[in-house]
Amino acid sequence: MLVLHAADLERQGIDIEKMSQMVFYNLIFTKEGTFTGEQRQIASATSQKYLKADILCILVEKQGNFTLWRENKDINLPAKQAVIAMTEKEHYENPFEPSINTSIPALTKVNSIKPKSENKTANSGWAAKNQKSIVY
């Protein structure tokens, strides 16, 4: 069990009056309840019950009152990792896939498409005369 002063948390931007959860040493804590100065032993006993169940607790003291915060075991943040500087190009590219050229190819103008001339020696008859092939 850790006992902190509210002023120490407020210097870090944590307002215990308005928040129901906070992150402390990369663990998420949920506000459990507030106890008066006379109820300090009850707050301490409650904290000890959580500690026996392997749940960390923080008691935050403010103006003689104690707020109990318990660790939220369901949601823990991953360990802090070092920040790696990135160039702007790396920021927009997937490092696991090869770079893809997304530019549109230039269109080429086709002047005309002419059918093949008929081969008169190979086929004869109506089908041969009316059959035309288009070359692209």
N, C-alpha and C. Protein backbone atom coordinates (compact mmCIF):
# COMPACT_ATOMS: atom_id res chain seq x y z
N MET A 1 0.86 -1.17 0.00
CA MET A 1 0.00 0.00 0.00
C MET A 1 0.90 1.23 0.00
N LEU A 2 0.54 2.17 -0.84
CA LEU A 2 1.30 3.41 -0.97
C LEU A 2 0.41 4.57 -0.56
N VAL A 3 0.93 5.47 0.25
CA VAL A 3 0.16 6.64 0.67
C VAL A 3 0.79 7.87 0.01
N LEU A 4 -0.03 8.61 -0.74
CA LEU A 4 0.43 9.82 -1.44
C LEU A 4 -0.39 11.02 -0.99
N HIS A 5 0.17 12.19 -1.18
CA HIS A 5 -0.57 13.42 -0.93
C HIS A 5 -1.20 13.89 -2.24
N ALA A 6 -2.40 14.39 -2.18
CA ALA A 6 -3.12 14.85 -3.38
C ALA A 6 -2.34 15.94 -4.10
N ALA A 7 -1.62 16.78 -3.36
CA ALA A 7 -0.85 17.86 -3.98
C ALA A 7 0.22 17.31 -4.92
N ASP A 8 0.81 16.17 -4.57
CA ASP A 8 1.83 15.55 -5.43
C ASP A 8 1.22 15.11 -6.76
N LEU A 9 0.01 14.56 -6.70
CA LEU A 9 -0.66 14.12 -7.93
C LEU A 9 -1.15 15.32 -8.75
N GLU A 10 -1.63 16.35 -8.07
CA GLU A 10 -2.14 17.53 -8.77
C GLU A 10 -1.02 18.23 -9.53
N ARG A 11 0.21 18.18 -9.02
CA ARG A 11 1.34 18.77 -9.75
C ARG A 11 1.59 18.03 -11.06
N GLN A 12 1.16 16.79 -11.13
CA GLN A 12 1.32 16.00 -12.35
C GLN A 12 0.06 16.02 -13.22
N GLY A 13 -0.90 16.86 -12.86
CA GLY A 13 -2.12 17.00 -13.66
C GLY A 13 -3.21 16.01 -13.33
N ILE A 14 -3.13 15.33 -12.21
CA ILE A 14 -4.14 14.35 -11.82
C ILE A 14 -5.02 14.98 -10.74
N ASP A 15 -6.28 15.22 -11.08
CA ASP A 15 -7.23 15.78 -10.12
C ASP A 15 -8.08 14.64 -9.59
N ILE A 16 -7.81 14.21 -8.36
CA ILE A 16 -8.49 13.02 -7.83
C ILE A 16 -9.97 13.26 -7.58
N GLU A 17 -10.40 14.51 -7.49
CA GLU A 17 -11.82 14.80 -7.27
C GLU A 17 -12.64 14.54 -8.53
N LYS A 18 -12.07 14.80 -9.70
CA LYS A 18 -12.82 14.69 -10.96
C LYS A 18 -12.63 13.36 -11.66
N MET A 19 -11.56 12.65 -11.36
CA MET A 19 -11.23 11.43 -12.11
C MET A 19 -11.72 10.19 -11.38
N SER A 20 -12.13 9.20 -12.17
CA SER A 20 -12.50 7.91 -11.58
C SER A 20 -11.41 6.87 -11.83
N GLN A 21 -10.49 7.16 -12.75
CA GLN A 21 -9.35 6.29 -13.01
C GLN A 21 -8.12 7.15 -13.24
N MET A 22 -6.95 6.56 -12.96
CA MET A 22 -5.69 7.25 -13.22
C MET A 22 -4.63 6.22 -13.56
N VAL A 23 -3.59 6.68 -14.26
CA VAL A 23 -2.46 5.83 -14.60
C VAL A 23 -1.30 6.24 -13.70
N PHE A 24 -0.75 5.28 -12.99
CA PHE A 24 0.36 5.52 -12.08
C PHE A 24 1.37 4.40 -12.28
N TYR A 25 2.60 4.74 -12.64
CA TYR A 25 3.64 3.76 -12.95
C TYR A 25 3.15 2.72 -13.95
N ASN A 26 2.50 3.22 -14.98
CA ASN A 26 2.04 2.41 -16.10
C ASN A 26 0.98 1.36 -15.72
N LEU A 27 0.32 1.56 -14.60
CA LEU A 27 -0.79 0.72 -14.17
C LEU A 27 -2.03 1.59 -14.04
N ILE A 28 -3.18 1.03 -14.34
CA ILE A 28 -4.43 1.77 -14.24
C ILE A 28 -5.05 1.49 -12.87
N PHE A 29 -5.39 2.57 -12.17
CA PHE A 29 -6.02 2.48 -10.86
C PHE A 29 -7.41 3.07 -10.94
N THR A 30 -8.37 2.43 -10.27
CA THR A 30 -9.75 2.88 -10.23
C THR A 30 -10.08 3.34 -8.82
N LYS A 31 -10.79 4.48 -8.76
CA LYS A 31 -11.18 5.01 -7.45
C LYS A 31 -12.19 4.07 -6.80
N GLU A 32 -11.87 3.67 -5.57
CA GLU A 32 -12.73 2.72 -4.85
C GLU A 32 -13.65 3.44 -3.87
N GLY A 33 -13.15 4.43 -3.18
CA GLY A 33 -13.97 5.14 -2.21
C GLY A 33 -13.14 6.12 -1.40
N THR A 34 -13.83 7.01 -0.68
CA THR A 34 -13.17 8.01 0.15
C THR A 34 -13.53 7.76 1.60
N PHE A 35 -12.53 7.85 2.46
CA PHE A 35 -12.70 7.62 3.89
C PHE A 35 -12.29 8.88 4.65
N THR A 36 -12.97 9.16 5.74
CA THR A 36 -12.61 10.31 6.58
C THR A 36 -11.37 9.95 7.39
N GLY A 37 -10.81 10.95 8.06
CA GLY A 37 -9.63 10.72 8.89
C GLY A 37 -9.87 9.68 9.96
N GLU A 38 -11.09 9.65 10.53
CA GLU A 38 -11.42 8.66 11.55
C GLU A 38 -11.52 7.25 10.96
N GLN A 39 -11.78 7.15 9.67
CA GLN A 39 -11.94 5.85 9.01
C GLN A 39 -10.63 5.37 8.38
N ARG A 40 -9.52 5.96 8.76
CA ARG A 40 -8.23 5.60 8.16
C ARG A 40 -7.94 4.11 8.36
N GLN A 41 -8.25 3.56 9.51
CA GLN A 41 -8.00 2.14 9.77
C GLN A 41 -8.85 1.26 8.84
N ILE A 42 -10.06 1.69 8.56
CA ILE A 42 -10.93 0.93 7.64
C ILE A 42 -10.33 0.97 6.23
N ALA A 43 -9.84 2.14 5.82
CA ALA A 43 -9.21 2.28 4.51
C ALA A 43 -7.97 1.39 4.42
N SER A 44 -7.18 1.37 5.49
CA SER A 44 -5.98 0.55 5.53
C SER A 44 -6.32 -0.94 5.49
N ALA A 45 -7.34 -1.35 6.22
CA ALA A 45 -7.76 -2.76 6.23
C ALA A 45 -8.29 -3.18 4.86
N THR A 46 -9.05 -2.30 4.22
CA THR A 46 -9.57 -2.59 2.88
C THR A 46 -8.41 -2.75 1.90
N SER A 47 -7.43 -1.88 2.03
CA SER A 47 -6.25 -1.94 1.18
C SER A 47 -5.50 -3.26 1.39
N GLN A 48 -5.39 -3.70 2.64
CA GLN A 48 -4.71 -4.96 2.94
C GLN A 48 -5.43 -6.16 2.32
N LYS A 49 -6.77 -6.12 2.29
CA LYS A 49 -7.54 -7.21 1.66
C LYS A 49 -7.21 -7.29 0.17
N TYR A 50 -7.14 -6.11 -0.49
CA TYR A 50 -6.78 -6.10 -1.91
C TYR A 50 -5.36 -6.61 -2.12
N LEU A 51 -4.43 -6.21 -1.26
CA LEU A 51 -3.05 -6.65 -1.40
C LEU A 51 -2.92 -8.16 -1.25
N LYS A 52 -3.71 -8.77 -0.37
CA LYS A 52 -3.70 -10.23 -0.23
C LYS A 52 -4.19 -10.91 -1.50
N ALA A 53 -5.04 -10.24 -2.25
CA ALA A 53 -5.54 -10.77 -3.52
C ALA A 53 -4.64 -10.36 -4.69
N ASP A 54 -3.45 -9.84 -4.38
CA ASP A 54 -2.46 -9.41 -5.38
C ASP A 54 -2.96 -8.23 -6.22
N ILE A 55 -3.68 -7.33 -5.58
CA ILE A 55 -4.15 -6.10 -6.23
C ILE A 55 -3.52 -4.93 -5.51
N LEU A 56 -2.73 -4.15 -6.24
CA LEU A 56 -2.05 -3.00 -5.64
C LEU A 56 -3.05 -1.91 -5.28
N CYS A 57 -2.74 -1.15 -4.21
CA CYS A 57 -3.61 -0.06 -3.76
C CYS A 57 -2.79 1.18 -3.48
N ILE A 58 -3.44 2.32 -3.66
CA ILE A 58 -2.86 3.62 -3.32
C ILE A 58 -3.87 4.35 -2.45
N LEU A 59 -3.42 4.90 -1.35
CA LEU A 59 -4.24 5.79 -0.54
C LEU A 59 -3.76 7.21 -0.80
N VAL A 60 -4.69 8.07 -1.21
CA VAL A 60 -4.35 9.47 -1.49
C VAL A 60 -4.97 10.32 -0.39
N GLU A 61 -4.11 11.06 0.31
CA GLU A 61 -4.56 11.91 1.43
C GLU A 61 -4.79 13.33 0.93
N LYS A 62 -5.98 13.86 1.25
CA LYS A 62 -6.29 15.25 0.92
C LYS A 62 -7.17 15.82 2.03
N GLN A 63 -6.67 16.83 2.69
CA GLN A 63 -7.38 17.55 3.75
C GLN A 63 -7.92 16.59 4.83
N GLY A 64 -7.11 15.63 5.21
CA GLY A 64 -7.50 14.70 6.28
C GLY A 64 -8.34 13.53 5.82
N ASN A 65 -8.79 13.51 4.58
CA ASN A 65 -9.55 12.39 4.04
C ASN A 65 -8.63 11.51 3.20
N PHE A 66 -9.02 10.25 3.05
CA PHE A 66 -8.22 9.29 2.29
C PHE A 66 -9.08 8.67 1.18
N THR A 67 -8.56 8.71 -0.03
CA THR A 67 -9.24 8.09 -1.17
C THR A 67 -8.47 6.83 -1.53
N LEU A 68 -9.18 5.71 -1.61
CA LEU A 68 -8.56 4.43 -1.94
C LEU A 68 -8.66 4.19 -3.44
N TRP A 69 -7.53 3.93 -4.06
CA TRP A 69 -7.45 3.59 -5.48
C TRP A 69 -6.89 2.17 -5.57
N ARG A 70 -7.59 1.31 -6.32
CA ARG A 70 -7.12 -0.07 -6.48
C ARG A 70 -6.71 -0.30 -7.93
N GLU A 71 -5.75 -1.20 -8.09
CA GLU A 71 -5.26 -1.53 -9.43
C GLU A 71 -6.36 -2.23 -10.22
N ASN A 72 -6.52 -1.83 -11.46
CA ASN A 72 -7.48 -2.48 -12.36
C ASN A 72 -6.72 -3.58 -13.10
N LYS A 73 -6.89 -4.82 -12.67
CA LYS A 73 -6.14 -5.94 -13.26
C LYS A 73 -6.61 -6.27 -14.67
N ASP A 74 -7.81 -5.85 -15.03
CA ASP A 74 -8.34 -6.17 -16.35
C ASP A 74 -7.60 -5.43 -17.45
N ILE A 75 -7.16 -4.21 -17.16
CA ILE A 75 -6.54 -3.37 -18.18
C ILE A 75 -5.21 -2.85 -17.65
N ASN A 76 -4.12 -3.42 -18.11
CA ASN A 76 -2.80 -2.90 -17.78
C ASN A 76 -2.12 -2.47 -19.07
N LEU A 77 -1.43 -1.40 -19.03
CA LEU A 77 -0.76 -0.88 -20.20
C LEU A 77 0.53 -1.66 -20.44
N PRO A 78 0.97 -1.76 -21.70
CA PRO A 78 2.24 -2.43 -21.96
C PRO A 78 3.40 -1.63 -21.37
N ALA A 79 4.51 -2.31 -21.20
CA ALA A 79 5.69 -1.63 -20.64
C ALA A 79 6.10 -0.48 -21.55
N LYS A 80 6.65 0.54 -20.94
CA LYS A 80 7.09 1.69 -21.72
C LYS A 80 8.19 1.25 -22.68
N GLN A 81 8.13 1.80 -23.89
CA GLN A 81 9.13 1.47 -24.89
C GLN A 81 9.83 2.74 -25.32
N ALA A 82 11.07 2.57 -25.73
CA ALA A 82 11.85 3.72 -26.17
C ALA A 82 11.24 4.31 -27.44
N VAL A 83 11.32 5.60 -27.56
CA VAL A 83 10.82 6.29 -28.74
C VAL A 83 11.88 6.22 -29.82
N ILE A 84 11.47 5.84 -31.02
CA ILE A 84 12.38 5.74 -32.15
C ILE A 84 12.05 6.87 -33.10
N ALA A 85 13.06 7.68 -33.42
CA ALA A 85 12.84 8.78 -34.35
C ALA A 85 12.60 8.23 -35.74
N MET A 86 11.66 8.83 -36.44
CA MET A 86 11.33 8.38 -37.79
C MET A 86 11.48 9.53 -38.76
N THR A 87 11.90 9.21 -39.96
CA THR A 87 11.91 10.23 -41.00
C THR A 87 10.49 10.34 -41.52
N GLU A 88 10.21 11.40 -42.23
CA GLU A 88 8.85 11.60 -42.73
C GLU A 88 8.45 10.50 -43.70
N LYS A 89 9.39 10.04 -44.52
CA LYS A 89 9.08 8.99 -45.48
C LYS A 89 8.69 7.70 -44.76
N GLU A 90 9.41 7.33 -43.70
CA GLU A 90 9.09 6.12 -42.96
C GLU A 90 7.73 6.22 -42.29
N HIS A 91 7.33 7.43 -41.96
CA HIS A 91 6.05 7.63 -41.28
C HIS A 91 4.88 7.19 -42.15
N TYR A 92 5.02 7.32 -43.46
CA TYR A 92 3.91 7.02 -44.35
C TYR A 92 4.05 5.68 -45.07
N GLU A 93 5.12 4.96 -44.87
CA GLU A 93 5.30 3.69 -45.56
C GLU A 93 5.21 2.53 -44.58
N ASN A 94 4.70 1.43 -45.05
CA ASN A 94 4.66 0.21 -44.27
C ASN A 94 6.01 -0.48 -44.42
N PRO A 95 6.76 -0.67 -43.34
CA PRO A 95 8.10 -1.26 -43.47
C PRO A 95 8.07 -2.74 -43.83
N PHE A 96 6.93 -3.39 -43.75
CA PHE A 96 6.84 -4.82 -44.02
C PHE A 96 6.43 -5.14 -45.45
N GLU A 97 6.01 -4.14 -46.21
CA GLU A 97 5.61 -4.37 -47.59
C GLU A 97 6.46 -3.52 -48.51
N PRO A 98 6.75 -4.04 -49.70
CA PRO A 98 7.55 -3.22 -50.63
C PRO A 98 6.77 -1.98 -51.04
N SER A 99 7.50 -1.00 -51.41
CA SER A 99 6.88 0.26 -51.81
C SER A 99 6.09 0.05 -53.10
N ILE A 100 4.91 0.58 -53.17
CA ILE A 100 4.05 0.44 -54.34
C ILE A 100 3.97 1.78 -55.04
N ASN A 101 4.19 1.76 -56.35
CA ASN A 101 4.09 2.99 -57.13
C ASN A 101 2.62 3.23 -57.42
N THR A 102 2.07 4.27 -56.83
CA THR A 102 0.65 4.53 -56.98
C THR A 102 0.35 5.54 -58.07
N SER A 103 1.37 5.94 -58.81
CA SER A 103 1.11 6.92 -59.87
C SER A 103 0.39 6.23 -61.03
N ILE A 104 -0.42 6.97 -61.72
CA ILE A 104 -1.20 6.44 -62.85
C ILE A 104 -0.34 6.51 -64.10
N PRO A 105 -0.25 5.42 -64.86
CA PRO A 105 0.57 5.46 -66.07
C PRO A 105 -0.02 6.43 -67.08
N ALA A 106 0.86 7.00 -67.87
CA ALA A 106 0.42 7.96 -68.88
C ALA A 106 -0.39 7.23 -69.96
N LEU A 107 -1.43 7.87 -70.44
CA LEU A 107 -2.25 7.29 -71.49
C LEU A 107 -1.60 7.56 -72.84
N THR A 108 -1.70 6.58 -73.73
CA THR A 108 -1.15 6.76 -75.07
C THR A 108 -2.32 6.89 -76.04
N LYS A 109 -2.13 7.72 -77.02
CA LYS A 109 -3.17 7.96 -78.01
C LYS A 109 -3.05 6.94 -79.13
N VAL A 110 -4.17 6.32 -79.46
CA VAL A 110 -4.22 5.37 -80.57
C VAL A 110 -4.82 6.11 -81.75
N ASN A 111 -4.05 6.19 -82.84
CA ASN A 111 -4.53 6.93 -84.01
C ASN A 111 -5.68 6.21 -84.70
N SER A 112 -5.48 4.97 -85.00
CA SER A 112 -6.56 4.23 -85.65
C SER A 112 -6.32 2.74 -85.50
N ILE A 113 -7.39 2.01 -85.60
CA ILE A 113 -7.31 0.56 -85.57
C ILE A 113 -7.84 0.08 -86.92
N LYS A 114 -6.99 -0.61 -87.63
CA LYS A 114 -7.37 -1.08 -88.96
C LYS A 114 -7.48 -2.59 -88.94
N PRO A 115 -8.53 -3.13 -89.57
CA PRO A 115 -8.65 -4.59 -89.66
C PRO A 115 -7.61 -5.15 -90.61
N LYS A 116 -7.29 -6.42 -90.39
CA LYS A 116 -6.37 -7.10 -91.30
C LYS A 116 -7.03 -7.20 -92.67
N SER A 117 -6.19 -7.18 -93.64
CA SER A 117 -6.74 -7.37 -95.00
C SER A 117 -7.11 -8.84 -95.15
N GLU A 118 -8.09 -9.08 -96.00
CA GLU A 118 -8.56 -10.45 -96.18
C GLU A 118 -7.53 -11.28 -96.92
N ASN A 119 -7.38 -12.49 -96.49
CA ASN A 119 -6.49 -13.41 -97.16
C ASN A 119 -7.34 -14.21 -98.15
N LYS A 120 -7.24 -13.89 -99.42
CA LYS A 120 -8.12 -14.48 -100.43
C LYS A 120 -7.71 -15.90 -100.80
N THR A 121 -6.51 -16.24 -100.54
CA THR A 121 -6.07 -17.57 -100.96
C THR A 121 -6.40 -18.64 -99.92
N ALA A 122 -6.49 -18.29 -98.66
CA ALA A 122 -6.70 -19.29 -97.61
C ALA A 122 -8.13 -19.78 -97.57
N ASN A 123 -9.12 -18.89 -97.54
CA ASN A 123 -10.52 -19.28 -97.45
C ASN A 123 -11.28 -18.70 -98.62
N SER A 124 -12.27 -19.40 -99.03
CA SER A 124 -13.11 -18.86 -100.09
C SER A 124 -14.55 -18.93 -99.64
N GLY A 125 -15.42 -18.24 -100.27
CA GLY A 125 -16.81 -18.26 -99.93
C GLY A 125 -17.22 -17.05 -99.12
N TRP A 126 -18.55 -17.07 -98.73
CA TRP A 126 -19.13 -15.92 -98.04
C TRP A 126 -18.47 -15.68 -96.69
N ALA A 127 -18.20 -16.71 -95.90
CA ALA A 127 -17.61 -16.57 -94.57
C ALA A 127 -16.22 -15.97 -94.66
N ALA A 128 -15.46 -16.40 -95.64
CA ALA A 128 -14.11 -15.88 -95.78
C ALA A 128 -14.13 -14.42 -96.19
N LYS A 129 -15.10 -14.02 -97.01
CA LYS A 129 -15.17 -12.64 -97.48
C LYS A 129 -15.64 -11.70 -96.38
N ASN A 130 -16.50 -12.16 -95.48
CA ASN A 130 -17.07 -11.30 -94.44
C ASN A 130 -16.34 -11.41 -93.08
N GLN A 131 -15.35 -12.26 -93.00
CA GLN A 131 -14.60 -12.41 -91.76
C GLN A 131 -13.48 -11.39 -91.71
N LYS A 132 -13.45 -10.61 -90.63
CA LYS A 132 -12.40 -9.61 -90.48
C LYS A 132 -11.81 -9.74 -89.07
N SER A 133 -10.56 -9.52 -88.95
CA SER A 133 -9.89 -9.57 -87.66
C SER A 133 -9.41 -8.17 -87.30
N ILE A 134 -9.43 -7.87 -86.05
CA ILE A 134 -8.95 -6.57 -85.58
C ILE A 134 -7.65 -6.81 -84.82
N VAL A 135 -6.64 -6.04 -85.17
CA VAL A 135 -5.34 -6.15 -84.52
C VAL A 135 -5.20 -4.98 -83.56
N TYR A 136 -4.83 -5.26 -82.36
CA TYR A 136 -4.65 -4.20 -81.36
C TYR A 136 -3.19 -3.92 -81.14
